[in-house]
Amino acid sequence: MKIEEIRELSDEELQTELDRLRRHVFDLRSQAVTEKLEDPSMVTKARRDIARILTVQRERAHAAAVAAGDADERK
């Protein structure tokens, strides 16, 4: 997934996609152990997608904290 696609997802969709990708990485690692993994780069791609989703979640959390902080300062 590209970062633009990830940013378009809602918070719930991000969490669902994150759970799906974590399960996918687990399955890929299991395949690697049993030597049934056809493309080892799939593990790296999935891990990078996880990192992208976590980055977007942190950006949103930070933006919400800043917005809440600005609202507190205005009172």
PDB file of N, CA and C in Angstrom:
ATOM      1  N   MET A   1       0.828  -1.180   0.000  1.00  0.00           N
ATOM      2  CA  MET A   1       0.000   0.000   0.000  1.00  0.00           C
ATOM      3  C   MET A   1       0.869   1.238   0.000  1.00  0.00           C
ATOM      4  N   LYS A   2       0.369   2.248  -0.644  1.00  0.00           N
ATOM      5  CA  LYS A   2       1.080   3.510  -0.639  1.00  0.00           C
ATOM      6  C   LYS A   2       0.549   4.369   0.501  1.00  0.00           C
ATOM      7  N   ILE A   3       1.366   5.311   0.925  1.00  0.00           N
ATOM      8  CA  ILE A   3       0.999   6.142   2.062  1.00  0.00           C
ATOM      9  C   ILE A   3      -0.265   6.940   1.785  1.00  0.00           C
ATOM     10  N   GLU A   4      -0.470   7.347   0.535  1.00  0.00           N
ATOM     11  CA  GLU A   4      -1.677   8.101   0.194  1.00  0.00           C
ATOM     12  C   GLU A   4      -2.925   7.242   0.407  1.00  0.00           C
ATOM     13  N   GLU A   5      -2.836   5.976   0.044  1.00  0.00           N
ATOM     14  CA  GLU A   5      -3.958   5.057   0.235  1.00  0.00           C
ATOM     15  C   GLU A   5      -4.244   4.859   1.720  1.00  0.00           C
ATOM     16  N   ILE A   6      -3.196   4.773   2.502  1.00  0.00           N
ATOM     17  CA  ILE A   6      -3.342   4.547   3.938  1.00  0.00           C
ATOM     18  C   ILE A   6      -3.978   5.763   4.603  1.00  0.00           C
ATOM     19  N   ARG A   7      -3.573   6.958   4.188  1.00  0.00           N
ATOM     20  CA  ARG A   7      -4.117   8.174   4.793  1.00  0.00           C
ATOM     21  C   ARG A   7      -5.598   8.361   4.492  1.00  0.00           C
ATOM     22  N   GLU A   8      -6.085   7.755   3.435  1.00  0.00           N
ATOM     23  CA  GLU A   8      -7.494   7.856   3.075  1.00  0.00           C
ATOM     24  C   GLU A   8      -8.386   6.967   3.937  1.00  0.00           C
ATOM     25  N   LEU A   9      -7.816   6.000   4.627  1.00  0.00           N
ATOM     26  CA  LEU A   9      -8.589   5.066   5.439  1.00  0.00           C
ATOM     27  C   LEU A   9      -9.019   5.713   6.754  1.00  0.00           C
ATOM     28  N   SER A  10     -10.156   5.264   7.270  1.00  0.00           N
ATOM     29  CA  SER A  10     -10.610   5.740   8.574  1.00  0.00           C
ATOM     30  C   SER A  10      -9.799   5.042   9.670  1.00  0.00           C
ATOM     31  N   ASP A  11      -9.984   5.493  10.900  1.00  0.00           N
ATOM     32  CA  ASP A  11      -9.253   4.902  12.023  1.00  0.00           C
ATOM     33  C   ASP A  11      -9.599   3.426  12.199  1.00  0.00           C
ATOM     34  N   GLU A  12     -10.869   3.090  12.056  1.00  0.00           N
ATOM     35  CA  GLU A  12     -11.276   1.690  12.190  1.00  0.00           C
ATOM     36  C   GLU A  12     -10.683   0.832  11.075  1.00  0.00           C
ATOM     37  N   GLU A  13     -10.689   1.361   9.867  1.00  0.00           N
ATOM     38  CA  GLU A  13     -10.123   0.619   8.738  1.00  0.00           C
ATOM     39  C   GLU A  13      -8.623   0.431   8.915  1.00  0.00           C
ATOM     40  N   LEU A  14      -7.959   1.440   9.465  1.00  0.00           N
ATOM     41  CA  LEU A  14      -6.519   1.310   9.733  1.00  0.00           C
ATOM     42  C   LEU A  14      -6.248   0.192  10.724  1.00  0.00           C
ATOM     43  N   GLN A  15      -7.038   0.146  11.782  1.00  0.00           N
ATOM     44  CA  GLN A  15      -6.835  -0.888  12.798  1.00  0.00           C
ATOM     45  C   GLN A  15      -7.099  -2.277  12.220  1.00  0.00           C
ATOM     46  N   THR A  16      -8.146  -2.392  11.409  1.00  0.00           N
ATOM     47  CA  THR A  16      -8.461  -3.672  10.779  1.00  0.00           C
ATOM     48  C   THR A  16      -7.335  -4.102   9.847  1.00  0.00           C
ATOM     49  N   GLU A  17      -6.837  -3.166   9.058  1.00  0.00           N
ATOM     50  CA  GLU A  17      -5.743  -3.471   8.130  1.00  0.00           C
ATOM     51  C   GLU A  17      -4.479  -3.833   8.903  1.00  0.00           C
ATOM     52  N   LEU A  18      -4.222  -3.156   9.998  1.00  0.00           N
ATOM     53  CA  LEU A  18      -3.052  -3.458  10.829  1.00  0.00           C
ATOM     54  C   LEU A  18      -3.139  -4.878  11.386  1.00  0.00           C
ATOM     55  N   ASP A  19      -4.296  -5.252  11.892  1.00  0.00           N
ATOM     56  CA  ASP A  19      -4.485  -6.615  12.402  1.00  0.00           C
ATOM     57  C   ASP A  19      -4.290  -7.647  11.300  1.00  0.00           C
ATOM     58  N   ARG A  20      -4.834  -7.357  10.115  1.00  0.00           N
ATOM     59  CA  ARG A  20      -4.708  -8.279   8.988  1.00  0.00           C
ATOM     60  C   ARG A  20      -3.244  -8.436   8.582  1.00  0.00           C
ATOM     61  N   LEU A  21      -2.514  -7.333   8.531  1.00  0.00           N
ATOM     62  CA  LEU A  21      -1.110  -7.396   8.128  1.00  0.00           C
ATOM     63  C   LEU A  21      -0.245  -8.118   9.160  1.00  0.00           C
ATOM     64  N   ARG A  22      -0.541  -7.913  10.424  1.00  0.00           N
ATOM     65  CA  ARG A  22       0.224  -8.614  11.458  1.00  0.00           C
ATOM     66  C   ARG A  22       0.009 -10.119  11.351  1.00  0.00           C
ATOM     67  N   ARG A  23      -1.229 -10.519  11.093  1.00  0.00           N
ATOM     68  CA  ARG A  23      -1.517 -11.946  10.908  1.00  0.00           C
ATOM     69  C   ARG A  23      -0.803 -12.459   9.653  1.00  0.00           C
ATOM     70  N   HIS A  24      -0.777 -11.628   8.603  1.00  0.00           N
ATOM     71  CA  HIS A  24      -0.124 -12.011   7.347  1.00  0.00           C
ATOM     72  C   HIS A  24       1.380 -12.219   7.561  1.00  0.00           C
ATOM     73  N   VAL A  25       2.003 -11.334   8.322  1.00  0.00           N
ATOM     74  CA  VAL A  25       3.439 -11.480   8.617  1.00  0.00           C
ATOM     75  C   VAL A  25       3.682 -12.761   9.410  1.00  0.00           C
ATOM     76  N   PHE A  26       2.806 -13.047  10.357  1.00  0.00           N
ATOM     77  CA  PHE A  26       2.931 -14.288  11.123  1.00  0.00           C
ATOM     78  C   PHE A  26       2.862 -15.495  10.187  1.00  0.00           C
ATOM     79  N   ASP A  27       1.892 -15.485   9.276  1.00  0.00           N
ATOM     80  CA  ASP A  27       1.752 -16.593   8.328  1.00  0.00           C
ATOM     81  C   ASP A  27       2.975 -16.707   7.418  1.00  0.00           C
ATOM     82  N   LEU A  28       3.478 -15.567   6.969  1.00  0.00           N
ATOM     83  CA  LEU A  28       4.662 -15.583   6.098  1.00  0.00           C
ATOM     84  C   LEU A  28       5.881 -16.128   6.835  1.00  0.00           C
ATOM     85  N   ARG A  29       6.036 -15.741   8.087  1.00  0.00           N
ATOM     86  CA  ARG A  29       7.168 -16.247   8.864  1.00  0.00           C
ATOM     87  C   ARG A  29       7.042 -17.744   9.089  1.00  0.00           C
ATOM     88  N   SER A  30       5.815 -18.211   9.288  1.00  0.00           N
ATOM     89  CA  SER A  30       5.586 -19.654   9.438  1.00  0.00           C
ATOM     90  C   SER A  30       5.960 -20.389   8.155  1.00  0.00           C
ATOM     91  N   GLN A  31       5.607 -19.802   7.025  1.00  0.00           N
ATOM     92  CA  GLN A  31       5.959 -20.400   5.739  1.00  0.00           C
ATOM     93  C   GLN A  31       7.475 -20.407   5.547  1.00  0.00           C
ATOM     94  N   ALA A  32       8.137 -19.346   5.993  1.00  0.00           N
ATOM     95  CA  ALA A  32       9.589 -19.270   5.848  1.00  0.00           C
ATOM     96  C   ALA A  32      10.276 -20.367   6.654  1.00  0.00           C
ATOM     97  N   VAL A  33       9.754 -20.653   7.824  1.00  0.00           N
ATOM     98  CA  VAL A  33      10.348 -21.689   8.675  1.00  0.00           C
ATOM     99  C   VAL A  33      10.197 -23.061   8.030  1.00  0.00           C
ATOM    100  N   THR A  34       9.056 -23.288   7.421  1.00  0.00           N
ATOM    101  CA  THR A  34       8.815 -24.587   6.793  1.00  0.00           C
ATOM    102  C   THR A  34       9.314 -24.631   5.350  1.00  0.00           C
ATOM    103  N   GLU A  35       9.988 -23.569   4.937  1.00  0.00           N
ATOM    104  CA  GLU A  35      10.580 -23.460   3.598  1.00  0.00           C
ATOM    105  C   GLU A  35       9.543 -23.548   2.486  1.00  0.00           C
ATOM    106  N   LYS A  36       8.343 -23.027   2.734  1.00  0.00           N
ATOM    107  CA  LYS A  36       7.312 -22.994   1.713  1.00  0.00           C
ATOM    108  C   LYS A  36       7.076 -21.584   1.180  1.00  0.00           C
ATOM    109  N   LEU A  37       7.859 -20.629   1.657  1.00  0.00           N
ATOM    110  CA  LEU A  37       7.707 -19.240   1.241  1.00  0.00           C
ATOM    111  C   LEU A  37       8.319 -19.056  -0.139  1.00  0.00           C
ATOM    112  N   GLU A  38       7.492 -18.610  -1.091  1.00  0.00           N
ATOM    113  CA  GLU A  38       7.961 -18.455  -2.461  1.00  0.00           C
ATOM    114  C   GLU A  38       8.751 -17.165  -2.663  1.00  0.00           C
ATOM    115  N   ASP A  39       8.282 -16.076  -2.031  1.00  0.00           N
ATOM    116  CA  ASP A  39       8.918 -14.772  -2.235  1.00  0.00           C
ATOM    117  C   ASP A  39       9.275 -14.166  -0.873  1.00  0.00           C
ATOM    118  N   PRO A  40      10.545 -14.252  -0.468  1.00  0.00           N
ATOM    119  CA  PRO A  40      10.946 -13.739   0.847  1.00  0.00           C
ATOM    120  C   PRO A  40      10.739 -12.232   1.004  1.00  0.00           C
ATOM    121  N   SER A  41      10.672 -11.504  -0.089  1.00  0.00           N
ATOM    122  CA  SER A  41      10.492 -10.054   0.008  1.00  0.00           C
ATOM    123  C   SER A  41       9.086  -9.688   0.477  1.00  0.00           C
ATOM    124  N   MET A  42       8.160 -10.640   0.467  1.00  0.00           N
ATOM    125  CA  MET A  42       6.800 -10.365   0.933  1.00  0.00           C
ATOM    126  C   MET A  42       6.784 -10.018   2.415  1.00  0.00           C
ATOM    127  N   VAL A  43       7.675 -10.625   3.181  1.00  0.00           N
ATOM    128  CA  VAL A  43       7.753 -10.328   4.620  1.00  0.00           C
ATOM    129  C   VAL A  43       8.160  -8.872   4.810  1.00  0.00           C
ATOM    130  N   THR A  44       9.157  -8.437   4.092  1.00  0.00           N
ATOM    131  CA  THR A  44       9.634  -7.062   4.188  1.00  0.00           C
ATOM    132  C   THR A  44       8.549  -6.076   3.761  1.00  0.00           C
ATOM    133  N   LYS A  45       7.861  -6.376   2.678  1.00  0.00           N
ATOM    134  CA  LYS A  45       6.802  -5.481   2.201  1.00  0.00           C
ATOM    135  C   LYS A  45       5.686  -5.357   3.219  1.00  0.00           C
ATOM    136  N   ALA A  46       5.289  -6.462   3.824  1.00  0.00           N
ATOM    137  CA  ALA A  46       4.219  -6.434   4.821  1.00  0.00           C
ATOM    138  C   ALA A  46       4.664  -5.655   6.060  1.00  0.00           C
ATOM    139  N   ARG A  47       5.903  -5.838   6.473  1.00  0.00           N
ATOM    140  CA  ARG A  47       6.403  -5.117   7.645  1.00  0.00           C
ATOM    141  C   ARG A  47       6.469  -3.617   7.377  1.00  0.00           C
ATOM    142  N   ARG A  48       6.808  -3.233   6.162  1.00  0.00           N
ATOM    143  CA  ARG A  48       6.836  -1.810   5.819  1.00  0.00           C
ATOM    144  C   ARG A  48       5.431  -1.221   5.796  1.00  0.00           C
ATOM    145  N   ASP A  49       4.468  -2.004   5.328  1.00  0.00           N
ATOM    146  CA  ASP A  49       3.079  -1.546   5.356  1.00  0.00           C
ATOM    147  C   ASP A  49       2.610  -1.346   6.793  1.00  0.00           C
ATOM    148  N   ILE A  50       3.005  -2.251   7.682  1.00  0.00           N
ATOM    149  CA  ILE A  50       2.668  -2.103   9.098  1.00  0.00           C
ATOM    150  C   ILE A  50       3.268  -0.808   9.640  1.00  0.00           C
ATOM    151  N   ALA A  51       4.514  -0.548   9.297  1.00  0.00           N
ATOM    152  CA  ALA A  51       5.182   0.669   9.760  1.00  0.00           C
ATOM    153  C   ALA A  51       4.474   1.914   9.220  1.00  0.00           C
ATOM    154  N   ARG A  52       4.037   1.872   7.990  1.00  0.00           N
ATOM    155  CA  ARG A  52       3.318   3.012   7.413  1.00  0.00           C
ATOM    156  C   ARG A  52       2.010   3.266   8.161  1.00  0.00           C
ATOM    157  N   ILE A  53       1.278   2.195   8.461  1.00  0.00           N
ATOM    158  CA  ILE A  53       0.007   2.349   9.176  1.00  0.00           C
ATOM    159  C   ILE A  53       0.254   2.907  10.579  1.00  0.00           C
ATOM    160  N   LEU A  54       1.259   2.393  11.262  1.00  0.00           N
ATOM    161  CA  LEU A  54       1.570   2.893  12.600  1.00  0.00           C
ATOM    162  C   LEU A  54       1.977   4.366  12.554  1.00  0.00           C
ATOM    163  N   THR A  55       2.693   4.762  11.515  1.00  0.00           N
ATOM    164  CA  THR A  55       3.091   6.154  11.348  1.00  0.00           C
ATOM    165  C   THR A  55       1.870   7.051  11.186  1.00  0.00           C
ATOM    166  N   VAL A  56       0.933   6.648  10.354  1.00  0.00           N
ATOM    167  CA  VAL A  56      -0.278   7.441  10.141  1.00  0.00           C
ATOM    168  C   VAL A  56      -1.089   7.519  11.429  1.00  0.00           C
ATOM    169  N   GLN A  57      -1.186   6.424  12.167  1.00  0.00           N
ATOM    170  CA  GLN A  57      -1.911   6.444  13.435  1.00  0.00           C
ATOM    171  C   GLN A  57      -1.255   7.412  14.418  1.00  0.00           C
ATOM    172  N   ARG A  58       0.065   7.417  14.465  1.00  0.00           N
ATOM    173  CA  ARG A  58       0.769   8.325  15.377  1.00  0.00           C
ATOM    174  C   ARG A  58       0.608   9.771  14.934  1.00  0.00           C
ATOM    175  N   GLU A  59       0.634  10.013  13.619  1.00  0.00           N
ATOM    176  CA  GLU A  59       0.413  11.369  13.115  1.00  0.00           C
ATOM    177  C   GLU A  59      -0.960  11.877  13.536  1.00  0.00           C
ATOM    178  N   ARG A  60      -1.967  11.022  13.411  1.00  0.00           N
ATOM    179  CA  ARG A  60      -3.330  11.419  13.784  1.00  0.00           C
ATOM    180  C   ARG A  60      -3.440  11.654  15.286  1.00  0.00           C
ATOM    181  N   ALA A  61      -2.813  10.813  16.078  1.00  0.00           N
ATOM    182  CA  ALA A  61      -2.852  10.984  17.525  1.00  0.00           C
ATOM    183  C   ALA A  61      -2.149  12.283  17.929  1.00  0.00           C
ATOM    184  N   HIS A  62      -1.037  12.572  17.294  1.00  0.00           N
ATOM    185  CA  HIS A  62      -0.299  13.797  17.584  1.00  0.00           C
ATOM    186  C   HIS A  62      -1.117  15.019  17.185  1.00  0.00           C
ATOM    187  N   ALA A  63      -1.742  14.965  16.021  1.00  0.00           N
ATOM    188  CA  ALA A  63      -2.564  16.084  15.560  1.00  0.00           C
ATOM    189  C   ALA A  63      -3.741  16.319  16.507  1.00  0.00           C
ATOM    190  N   ALA A  64      -4.338  15.237  17.008  1.00  0.00           N
ATOM    191  CA  ALA A  64      -5.444  15.368  17.951  1.00  0.00           C
ATOM    192  C   ALA A  64      -4.964  15.967  19.270  1.00  0.00           C
ATOM    193  N   ALA A  65      -3.774  15.557  19.706  1.00  0.00           N
ATOM    194  CA  ALA A  65      -3.226  16.089  20.961  1.00  0.00           C
ATOM    195  C   ALA A  65      -2.907  17.568  20.814  1.00  0.00           C
ATOM    196  N   VAL A  66      -2.370  17.947  19.692  1.00  0.00           N
ATOM    197  CA  VAL A  66      -2.057  19.358  19.445  1.00  0.00           C
ATOM    198  C   VAL A  66      -3.338  20.175  19.380  1.00  0.00           C
ATOM    199  N   ALA A  67      -4.346  19.637  18.711  1.00  0.00           N
ATOM    200  CA  ALA A  67      -5.628  20.340  18.619  1.00  0.00           C
ATOM    201  C   ALA A  67      -6.262  20.483  19.998  1.00  0.00           C
ATOM    202  N   ALA A  68      -6.168  19.461  20.821  1.00  0.00           N
ATOM    203  CA  ALA A  68      -6.704  19.530  22.179  1.00  0.00           C
ATOM    204  C   ALA A  68      -5.902  20.530  23.015  1.00  0.00           C
ATOM    205  N   GLY A  69      -4.611  20.565  22.809  1.00  0.00           N
ATOM    206  CA  GLY A  69      -3.761  21.507  23.515  1.00  0.00           C
ATOM    207  C   GLY A  69      -4.067  22.944  23.136  1.00  0.00           C
ATOM    208  N   ASP A  70      -4.331  23.192  21.873  1.00  0.00           N
ATOM    209  CA  ASP A  70      -4.690  24.524  21.410  1.00  0.00           C
ATOM    210  C   ASP A  70      -6.024  24.943  22.003  1.00  0.00           C
ATOM    211  N   ALA A  71      -6.968  24.019  22.091  1.00  0.00           N
ATOM    212  CA  ALA A  71      -8.275  24.329  22.654  1.00  0.00           C
ATOM    213  C   ALA A  71      -8.145  24.660  24.141  1.00  0.00           C
ATOM    214  N   ASP A  72      -7.258  23.957  24.851  1.00  0.00           N
ATOM    215  CA  ASP A  72      -7.058  24.230  26.279  1.00  0.00           C
ATOM    216  C   ASP A  72      -6.424  25.606  26.499  1.00  0.00           C
ATOM    217  N   GLU A  73      -5.523  25.996  25.605  1.00  0.00           N
ATOM    218  CA  GLU A  73      -4.846  27.288  25.754  1.00  0.00           C
ATOM    219  C   GLU A  73      -5.791  28.442  25.489  1.00  0.00           C
ATOM    220  N   ARG A  74      -6.802  28.243  24.688  1.00  0.00           N
ATOM    221  CA  ARG A  74      -7.727  29.323  24.335  1.00  0.00           C
ATOM    222  C   ARG A  74      -8.704  29.636  25.464  1.00  0.00           C
ATOM    223  N   LYS A  75      -8.878  28.721  26.392  1.00  0.00           N
ATOM    224  CA  LYS A  75      -9.849  28.921  27.485  1.00  0.00           C
ATOM    225  C   LYS A  75      -9.329  29.894  28.490  1.00  0.00           C
TER     226      LYS A  75
END
